[in-house]
Amino acid sequence: MVVYTDAEIEEFINERKILPDNYYDVLINQLKIRGAHKRSELTIAGVNQNTYYIDVRQSTHNVRNFSVILRVENRITTGSFILRRYNGDNHWHTNALEGEDIHDFHIHLATERYQAASRKPEGYAVVTNSYSDIVTALESMITDCGFIRPSDNRERLI
């Protein structure tokens, strides 16, 4: 069953999302240890009234074992829907439908195709060189996914 089409997913990605002034502190400087990982979460409203979440997770044992996740509140089923996941290079990922193996920094992309195949919507991933750690992964997501940094927002209001 397809929850979101590729066009709807792209609309979510491109929707403007204004980050609060303290986004970096909440997501990076205030990670809380839970078990074998440090974690944080931030809720952000999109300009079209959608609710988004950025989740950050990093292993306490291996700094290259991390995920920076963008989710949107799911209007069709309960819970939320993962749009993107920016992962470290600590593990192998296989694009199941293509039979491709990846062992590098990679970005998971939600797709209509993977949903139709009853796979995780974000099961497809692409190799990237746009980041090399959790901080630059967060910055890459912010650049890629329609976020407006606080400084950018202030300039538009002047």
Protein backbone atom coordinates (compact mmCIF):
# COMPACT_ATOMS: atom_id res chain seq x y z
CA MET A 1 0.00 0.00 0.00
CA VAL A 2 1.36 3.42 -0.94
CA VAL A 3 0.99 6.02 1.80
CA TYR A 4 2.59 8.92 -0.07
CA THR A 5 3.41 9.36 -3.74
CA ASP A 6 6.82 10.60 -4.85
CA ALA A 7 5.23 13.98 -5.64
CA GLU A 8 3.76 14.25 -2.11
CA ILE A 9 7.11 13.26 -0.59
CA GLU A 10 8.82 15.97 -2.65
CA GLU A 11 6.25 18.52 -1.44
CA PHE A 12 7.09 17.62 2.18
CA ILE A 13 10.82 17.90 1.49
CA ASN A 14 10.44 21.30 -0.19
CA GLU A 15 7.99 22.78 2.32
CA ARG A 16 9.67 25.67 4.14
CA LYS A 17 10.44 24.79 7.74
CA ILE A 18 11.72 27.57 10.00
CA LEU A 19 14.27 26.38 12.53
CA PRO A 20 14.22 27.90 16.02
CA ASP A 21 17.23 29.89 17.26
CA ASN A 22 18.30 27.05 19.55
CA TYR A 23 18.04 24.20 17.01
CA TYR A 24 21.77 23.41 17.08
CA ASP A 25 21.94 23.33 20.88
CA VAL A 26 18.90 21.06 21.12
CA LEU A 27 20.01 18.65 18.39
CA ILE A 28 23.79 18.52 18.88
CA ASN A 29 24.91 20.11 22.17
CA GLN A 30 22.13 18.63 24.30
CA LEU A 31 22.17 15.01 23.16
CA LYS A 32 20.97 12.78 26.01
CA ILE A 33 22.40 9.33 26.66
CA ARG A 34 19.80 6.57 26.39
CA GLY A 35 21.29 3.11 26.49
CA ALA A 36 24.10 2.78 23.96
CA HIS A 37 23.13 5.95 22.08
CA LYS A 38 22.93 9.70 22.50
CA ARG A 39 19.64 11.10 21.23
CA SER A 40 17.71 14.31 20.69
CA GLU A 41 14.55 15.42 18.91
CA LEU A 42 13.16 18.72 17.69
CA THR A 43 9.62 19.46 16.50
CA ILE A 44 9.23 22.04 13.72
CA ALA A 45 6.14 23.46 12.03
CA GLY A 46 6.11 23.77 8.28
CA VAL A 47 4.60 26.83 6.62
CA ASN A 48 1.80 24.60 5.22
CA GLN A 49 0.88 23.48 8.75
CA ASN A 50 2.61 20.09 8.57
CA THR A 51 4.51 18.96 11.66
CA TYR A 52 8.09 17.76 11.19
CA TYR A 53 10.57 16.11 13.53
CA ILE A 54 14.34 15.98 13.35
CA ASP A 55 15.73 13.03 15.30
CA VAL A 56 19.45 12.72 15.97
CA ARG A 57 21.00 9.50 17.22
CA GLN A 58 24.68 8.62 17.70
CA SER A 59 26.34 5.60 19.24
CA THR A 60 28.28 6.19 22.44
CA HIS A 61 30.83 3.64 21.18
CA ASN A 62 31.31 4.65 17.54
CA VAL A 63 30.91 8.26 16.38
CA ARG A 64 30.47 7.08 12.76
CA ASN A 65 27.34 5.17 13.82
CA PHE A 66 24.71 7.91 13.57
CA SER A 67 21.42 8.87 11.98
CA VAL A 68 19.90 12.28 11.37
CA ILE A 69 16.26 11.66 10.53
CA LEU A 70 13.52 13.87 9.09
CA ARG A 71 9.97 12.71 9.80
CA VAL A 72 6.60 14.24 9.00
CA GLU A 73 3.39 13.69 10.95
CA ASN A 74 1.52 11.07 8.96
CA ARG A 75 -2.03 12.12 8.06
CA ILE A 76 -3.08 8.69 6.79
CA THR A 77 -1.94 6.25 9.46
CA THR A 78 -0.97 6.70 13.08
CA GLY A 79 2.57 7.76 13.84
CA SER A 80 4.95 9.56 11.54
CA PHE A 81 6.58 8.96 8.19
CA ILE A 82 10.36 9.02 7.65
CA LEU A 83 11.21 11.21 4.66
CA ARG A 84 15.02 11.15 4.87
CA ARG A 85 17.67 9.48 6.97
CA TYR A 86 21.30 10.65 6.84
CA ASN A 87 23.43 7.74 8.09
CA GLY A 88 27.05 7.20 8.96
CA ASP A 89 29.34 4.74 7.20
CA ASN A 90 29.58 2.21 10.02
CA HIS A 91 27.42 -0.49 8.42
CA TRP A 92 26.41 -2.08 5.15
CA HIS A 93 23.10 -1.05 3.61
CA THR A 94 21.43 -2.98 0.80
CA ASN A 95 18.95 -1.44 -1.59
CA ALA A 96 16.76 -4.53 -1.66
CA LEU A 97 14.91 -3.88 -4.91
CA GLU A 98 18.09 -3.04 -6.83
CA GLY A 99 20.37 -5.54 -5.10
CA GLU A 100 22.96 -2.80 -4.48
CA ASP A 101 25.22 -2.83 -1.43
CA ILE A 102 26.47 0.40 0.13
CA HIS A 103 29.20 0.79 2.73
CA ASP A 104 29.72 4.52 2.89
CA PHE A 105 27.94 7.62 4.17
CA HIS A 106 24.45 7.40 2.69
CA ILE A 107 21.07 9.12 2.58
CA HIS A 108 17.88 7.09 2.78
CA LEU A 109 15.09 8.53 0.61
CA ALA A 110 11.41 7.69 1.03
CA THR A 111 9.98 6.47 -2.27
CA GLU A 112 6.63 5.41 -3.64
CA ARG A 113 8.31 2.37 -5.20
CA TYR A 114 9.57 0.96 -1.90
CA GLN A 115 6.17 1.51 -0.27
CA ALA A 116 4.44 -0.33 -3.14
CA ALA A 117 6.85 -3.25 -2.63
CA SER A 118 5.94 -3.41 1.11
CA ARG A 119 9.43 -2.28 2.10
CA LYS A 120 10.40 0.48 4.48
CA PRO A 121 9.42 3.68 2.66
CA GLU A 122 12.97 5.02 3.16
CA GLY A 123 14.60 1.70 2.24
CA TYR A 124 16.33 3.13 -0.82
CA ALA A 125 19.65 4.91 -0.14
CA VAL A 126 22.24 6.81 -2.13
CA VAL A 127 25.94 7.27 -1.37
CA THR A 128 26.92 10.82 -0.49
CA ASN A 129 30.04 12.84 0.13
CA SER A 130 28.07 15.84 1.42
CA TYR A 131 28.90 15.02 5.04
CA SER A 132 31.47 13.17 7.13
CA ASP A 133 30.07 13.33 10.68
CA ILE A 134 26.86 13.98 12.58
CA VAL A 135 27.24 17.78 12.53
CA THR A 136 27.78 18.01 8.79
CA ALA A 137 24.99 15.43 8.23
CA LEU A 138 22.60 17.76 10.06
CA GLU A 139 23.79 20.70 7.98
CA SER A 140 23.37 18.66 4.79
CA MET A 141 19.78 17.80 5.76
CA ILE A 142 19.01 21.43 6.54
CA THR A 143 20.35 22.46 3.12
CA ASP A 144 18.57 19.65 1.24
CA CYS A 145 15.15 19.71 2.88
CA GLY A 146 13.66 23.19 2.80
CA PHE A 147 14.78 24.40 6.23
CA ILE A 148 15.24 28.09 6.95
CA ARG A 149 17.99 28.84 9.47
CA PRO A 150 17.23 31.52 12.09
CA SER A 151 19.76 33.94 10.53
CA ASP A 152 18.15 33.48 7.09
CA ASN A 153 14.73 34.15 8.60
CA ARG A 154 15.87 37.37 10.33
CA GLU A 155 17.28 38.70 7.06
CA ARG A 156 13.91 38.16 5.36
CA LEU A 157 12.10 40.03 8.11
CA ILE A 158 14.31 43.15 7.90
